[in-house]
Amino acid sequence: MIRQAKDLSPDQKAAIESLLERQLQASEAISIRAIEPPVLSDERKRQLAEELKSYFVEVDARRKQGCAKDAEGVIDEALRSVRPGYRSHQ
């Protein structure tokens, strides 16, 4: 479903702006799509979890040591890049 922002009701506009965490421009088009999550068996979930654990063990083995403050700074910067209003809880 695609709708023009200018054609939304005030309630629809408010709901979408709340989700986006910003105001809509009248010229914007809004696309909404519901996606059903894939159905995974418990065995497949365990297999994927094990694959992820193995992957992260390999990544950890190759990474350079850093300090916690530098790591927090990198995480804060990444969060601000996708959520401009983000503020650290420190």
N, C-alpha and C. Protein backbone atom coordinates (compact mmCIF):
# COMPACT_ATOMS: atom_id res chain seq x y z
N MET A 1 0.85 -1.16 0.00
CA MET A 1 0.00 0.00 0.00
C MET A 1 0.90 1.23 0.00
N ILE A 2 0.62 2.15 -0.90
CA ILE A 2 1.36 3.41 -0.98
C ILE A 2 0.36 4.55 -0.89
N ARG A 3 0.64 5.49 -0.01
CA ARG A 3 -0.24 6.66 0.18
C ARG A 3 0.62 7.92 0.16
N GLN A 4 0.02 8.99 -0.27
CA GLN A 4 0.68 10.30 -0.22
C GLN A 4 0.46 10.89 1.17
N ALA A 5 1.49 11.48 1.74
CA ALA A 5 1.38 12.07 3.08
C ALA A 5 0.26 13.10 3.15
N LYS A 6 0.08 13.85 2.09
CA LYS A 6 -0.95 14.90 2.09
C LYS A 6 -2.36 14.32 2.15
N ASP A 7 -2.53 13.03 1.80
CA ASP A 7 -3.84 12.40 1.79
C ASP A 7 -4.17 11.65 3.09
N LEU A 8 -3.24 11.62 4.03
CA LEU A 8 -3.47 10.90 5.29
C LEU A 8 -4.38 11.69 6.21
N SER A 9 -5.14 10.96 7.02
CA SER A 9 -5.93 11.63 8.06
C SER A 9 -4.97 12.11 9.15
N PRO A 10 -5.39 13.05 9.97
CA PRO A 10 -4.51 13.51 11.05
C PRO A 10 -4.05 12.37 11.97
N ASP A 11 -4.95 11.42 12.26
CA ASP A 11 -4.58 10.28 13.12
C ASP A 11 -3.55 9.39 12.43
N GLN A 12 -3.73 9.13 11.14
CA GLN A 12 -2.77 8.31 10.39
C GLN A 12 -1.41 9.00 10.35
N LYS A 13 -1.44 10.28 10.05
CA LYS A 13 -0.19 11.05 9.98
C LYS A 13 0.53 11.03 11.33
N ALA A 14 -0.20 11.22 12.41
CA ALA A 14 0.40 11.22 13.75
C ALA A 14 1.02 9.86 14.07
N ALA A 15 0.32 8.79 13.71
CA ALA A 15 0.84 7.44 13.99
C ALA A 15 2.13 7.19 13.21
N ILE A 16 2.15 7.55 11.95
CA ILE A 16 3.34 7.32 11.13
C ILE A 16 4.50 8.20 11.61
N GLU A 17 4.23 9.45 11.93
CA GLU A 17 5.28 10.33 12.44
C GLU A 17 5.85 9.80 13.76
N SER A 18 5.01 9.21 14.56
CA SER A 18 5.47 8.62 15.81
C SER A 18 6.42 7.46 15.53
N LEU A 19 6.09 6.63 14.56
CA LEU A 19 6.97 5.51 14.21
C LEU A 19 8.28 5.98 13.59
N LEU A 20 8.21 6.99 12.75
CA LEU A 20 9.40 7.50 12.07
C LEU A 20 10.25 8.42 12.96
N GLU A 21 9.62 8.93 14.02
CA GLU A 21 10.28 9.88 14.92
C GLU A 21 10.70 11.16 14.20
N ARG A 22 9.84 11.58 13.27
CA ARG A 22 10.05 12.84 12.56
C ARG A 22 8.75 13.24 11.88
N GLN A 23 8.67 14.50 11.45
CA GLN A 23 7.48 14.97 10.76
C GLN A 23 7.52 14.54 9.29
N LEU A 24 6.35 14.28 8.75
CA LEU A 24 6.22 13.96 7.33
C LEU A 24 6.13 15.25 6.52
N GLN A 25 6.66 15.23 5.33
CA GLN A 25 6.50 16.33 4.38
C GLN A 25 5.31 15.99 3.49
N ALA A 26 4.52 16.96 3.12
CA ALA A 26 3.32 16.73 2.30
C ALA A 26 3.65 16.04 0.98
N SER A 27 4.85 16.25 0.47
CA SER A 27 5.24 15.68 -0.83
C SER A 27 5.71 14.22 -0.73
N GLU A 28 5.84 13.69 0.48
CA GLU A 28 6.35 12.33 0.65
C GLU A 28 5.28 11.29 0.36
N ALA A 29 5.74 10.14 -0.13
CA ALA A 29 4.88 8.97 -0.30
C ALA A 29 5.21 8.01 0.82
N ILE A 30 4.19 7.36 1.36
CA ILE A 30 4.35 6.44 2.47
C ILE A 30 4.02 5.03 1.96
N SER A 31 4.92 4.10 2.19
CA SER A 31 4.71 2.71 1.80
C SER A 31 4.67 1.85 3.05
N ILE A 32 3.63 1.04 3.17
CA ILE A 32 3.48 0.17 4.33
C ILE A 32 3.28 -1.25 3.84
N ARG A 33 4.00 -2.17 4.44
CA ARG A 33 3.89 -3.57 4.05
C ARG A 33 4.05 -4.45 5.28
N ALA A 34 3.12 -5.35 5.48
CA ALA A 34 3.22 -6.31 6.58
C ALA A 34 3.97 -7.54 6.08
N ILE A 35 4.91 -8.00 6.87
CA ILE A 35 5.73 -9.15 6.49
C ILE A 35 5.61 -10.21 7.58
N GLU A 36 5.22 -11.39 7.19
CA GLU A 36 5.12 -12.48 8.16
C GLU A 36 6.51 -13.05 8.41
N PRO A 37 6.84 -13.30 9.68
CA PRO A 37 8.16 -13.87 9.98
C PRO A 37 8.25 -15.29 9.44
N PRO A 38 9.46 -15.72 9.05
CA PRO A 38 9.61 -17.09 8.58
C PRO A 38 9.35 -18.08 9.71
N VAL A 39 8.82 -19.22 9.36
CA VAL A 39 8.57 -20.26 10.34
C VAL A 39 9.82 -21.15 10.39
N LEU A 40 10.47 -21.16 11.56
CA LEU A 40 11.68 -21.96 11.74
C LEU A 40 11.43 -23.01 12.81
N SER A 41 11.88 -24.21 12.53
CA SER A 41 11.77 -25.27 13.53
C SER A 41 12.74 -24.99 14.66
N ASP A 42 12.50 -25.61 15.81
CA ASP A 42 13.42 -25.44 16.94
C ASP A 42 14.82 -25.92 16.58
N GLU A 43 14.90 -26.98 15.79
CA GLU A 43 16.21 -27.51 15.38
C GLU A 43 16.94 -26.50 14.50
N ARG A 44 16.22 -25.88 13.57
CA ARG A 44 16.84 -24.88 12.68
C ARG A 44 17.29 -23.66 13.49
N LYS A 45 16.50 -23.24 14.47
CA LYS A 45 16.89 -22.12 15.34
C LYS A 45 18.17 -22.44 16.08
N ARG A 46 18.27 -23.68 16.62
CA ARG A 46 19.50 -24.08 17.33
C ARG A 46 20.69 -24.08 16.38
N GLN A 47 20.47 -24.59 15.16
CA GLN A 47 21.55 -24.64 14.17
C GLN A 47 22.03 -23.22 13.83
N LEU A 48 21.11 -22.31 13.60
CA LEU A 48 21.48 -20.93 13.29
C LEU A 48 22.20 -20.27 14.46
N ALA A 49 21.75 -20.54 15.68
CA ALA A 49 22.40 -19.99 16.86
C ALA A 49 23.84 -20.49 16.97
N GLU A 50 24.06 -21.76 16.71
CA GLU A 50 25.41 -22.33 16.75
C GLU A 50 26.29 -21.72 15.67
N GLU A 51 25.73 -21.52 14.48
CA GLU A 51 26.50 -20.90 13.40
C GLU A 51 26.90 -19.48 13.77
N LEU A 52 25.99 -18.74 14.39
CA LEU A 52 26.31 -17.39 14.83
C LEU A 52 27.39 -17.39 15.91
N LYS A 53 27.27 -18.31 16.86
CA LYS A 53 28.30 -18.40 17.92
C LYS A 53 29.66 -18.66 17.31
N SER A 54 29.73 -19.59 16.36
CA SER A 54 31.01 -19.91 15.70
C SER A 54 31.55 -18.70 14.96
N TYR A 55 30.68 -18.00 14.27
CA TYR A 55 31.09 -16.81 13.53
C TYR A 55 31.67 -15.76 14.48
N PHE A 56 30.99 -15.51 15.60
CA PHE A 56 31.46 -14.49 16.53
C PHE A 56 32.75 -14.92 17.24
N VAL A 57 32.95 -16.20 17.45
CA VAL A 57 34.22 -16.67 18.01
C VAL A 57 35.36 -16.34 17.04
N GLU A 58 35.13 -16.56 15.73
CA GLU A 58 36.14 -16.23 14.72
C GLU A 58 36.40 -14.72 14.68
N VAL A 59 35.34 -13.92 14.71
CA VAL A 59 35.50 -12.46 14.68
C VAL A 59 36.26 -11.99 15.91
N ASP A 60 35.90 -12.50 17.08
CA ASP A 60 36.59 -12.11 18.31
C ASP A 60 38.06 -12.47 18.27
N ALA A 61 38.40 -13.61 17.67
CA ALA A 61 39.79 -14.05 17.61
C ALA A 61 40.62 -13.11 16.73
N ARG A 62 40.00 -12.47 15.75
CA ARG A 62 40.74 -11.59 14.82
C ARG A 62 40.74 -10.13 15.22
N ARG A 63 39.89 -9.75 16.16
CA ARG A 63 39.77 -8.33 16.48
C ARG A 63 40.93 -7.84 17.34
N LYS A 64 41.21 -6.55 17.19
CA LYS A 64 42.24 -5.91 18.00
C LYS A 64 41.61 -5.52 19.33
N GLN A 65 42.42 -5.51 20.36
CA GLN A 65 41.93 -5.10 21.67
C GLN A 65 41.68 -3.59 21.67
N GLY A 66 40.65 -3.19 22.35
CA GLY A 66 40.32 -1.77 22.48
C GLY A 66 39.79 -1.53 23.88
N CYS A 67 39.63 -0.28 24.19
CA CYS A 67 39.12 0.02 25.52
C CYS A 67 37.59 0.19 25.47
N ALA A 68 36.96 0.03 26.61
CA ALA A 68 35.50 0.11 26.71
C ALA A 68 35.00 1.49 26.28
N LYS A 69 35.74 2.54 26.62
CA LYS A 69 35.31 3.90 26.27
C LYS A 69 35.25 4.08 24.75
N ASP A 70 36.26 3.55 24.03
CA ASP A 70 36.25 3.63 22.57
C ASP A 70 35.07 2.86 21.99
N ALA A 71 34.79 1.69 22.54
CA ALA A 71 33.67 0.87 22.07
C ALA A 71 32.36 1.60 22.27
N GLU A 72 32.19 2.22 23.44
CA GLU A 72 30.96 2.98 23.72
C GLU A 72 30.80 4.12 22.72
N GLY A 73 31.90 4.78 22.39
CA GLY A 73 31.85 5.89 21.44
C GLY A 73 31.42 5.43 20.05
N VAL A 74 31.93 4.29 19.63
CA VAL A 74 31.56 3.74 18.32
C VAL A 74 30.08 3.37 18.30
N ILE A 75 29.61 2.75 19.37
CA ILE A 75 28.19 2.37 19.45
C ILE A 75 27.30 3.61 19.48
N ASP A 76 27.67 4.61 20.27
CA ASP A 76 26.89 5.85 20.32
C ASP A 76 26.83 6.51 18.94
N GLU A 77 27.95 6.54 18.23
CA GLU A 77 27.99 7.16 16.91
C GLU A 77 27.07 6.40 15.93
N ALA A 78 27.10 5.08 16.01
CA ALA A 78 26.24 4.27 15.13
C ALA A 78 24.77 4.52 15.44
N LEU A 79 24.42 4.59 16.72
CA LEU A 79 23.04 4.84 17.10
C LEU A 79 22.58 6.22 16.63
N ARG A 80 23.44 7.22 16.78
CA ARG A 80 23.08 8.58 16.34
C ARG A 80 22.90 8.65 14.83
N SER A 81 23.63 7.80 14.08
CA SER A 81 23.51 7.85 12.62
C SER A 81 22.15 7.34 12.15
N VAL A 82 21.51 6.46 12.93
CA VAL A 82 20.19 5.94 12.54
C VAL A 82 19.07 6.55 13.37
N ARG A 83 19.39 7.13 14.51
CA ARG A 83 18.40 7.81 15.36
C ARG A 83 18.99 9.15 15.78
N PRO A 84 18.78 10.18 14.94
CA PRO A 84 19.42 11.48 15.21
C PRO A 84 19.16 12.05 16.60
N GLY A 85 18.04 11.73 17.23
CA GLY A 85 17.74 12.26 18.55
C GLY A 85 18.32 11.44 19.69
N TYR A 86 19.11 10.40 19.37
CA TYR A 86 19.65 9.52 20.42
C TYR A 86 20.62 10.26 21.31
N ARG A 87 20.47 10.04 22.63
CA ARG A 87 21.42 10.57 23.61
C ARG A 87 21.88 9.43 24.50
N SER A 88 23.16 9.37 24.76
CA SER A 88 23.72 8.35 25.62
C SER A 88 23.18 8.48 27.03
N HIS A 89 23.06 7.38 27.74
CA HIS A 89 22.52 7.37 29.11
C HIS A 89 23.60 7.51 30.17
N GLN A 90 24.71 8.08 29.81
CA GLN A 90 25.80 8.23 30.78
C GLN A 90 25.67 9.48 31.58
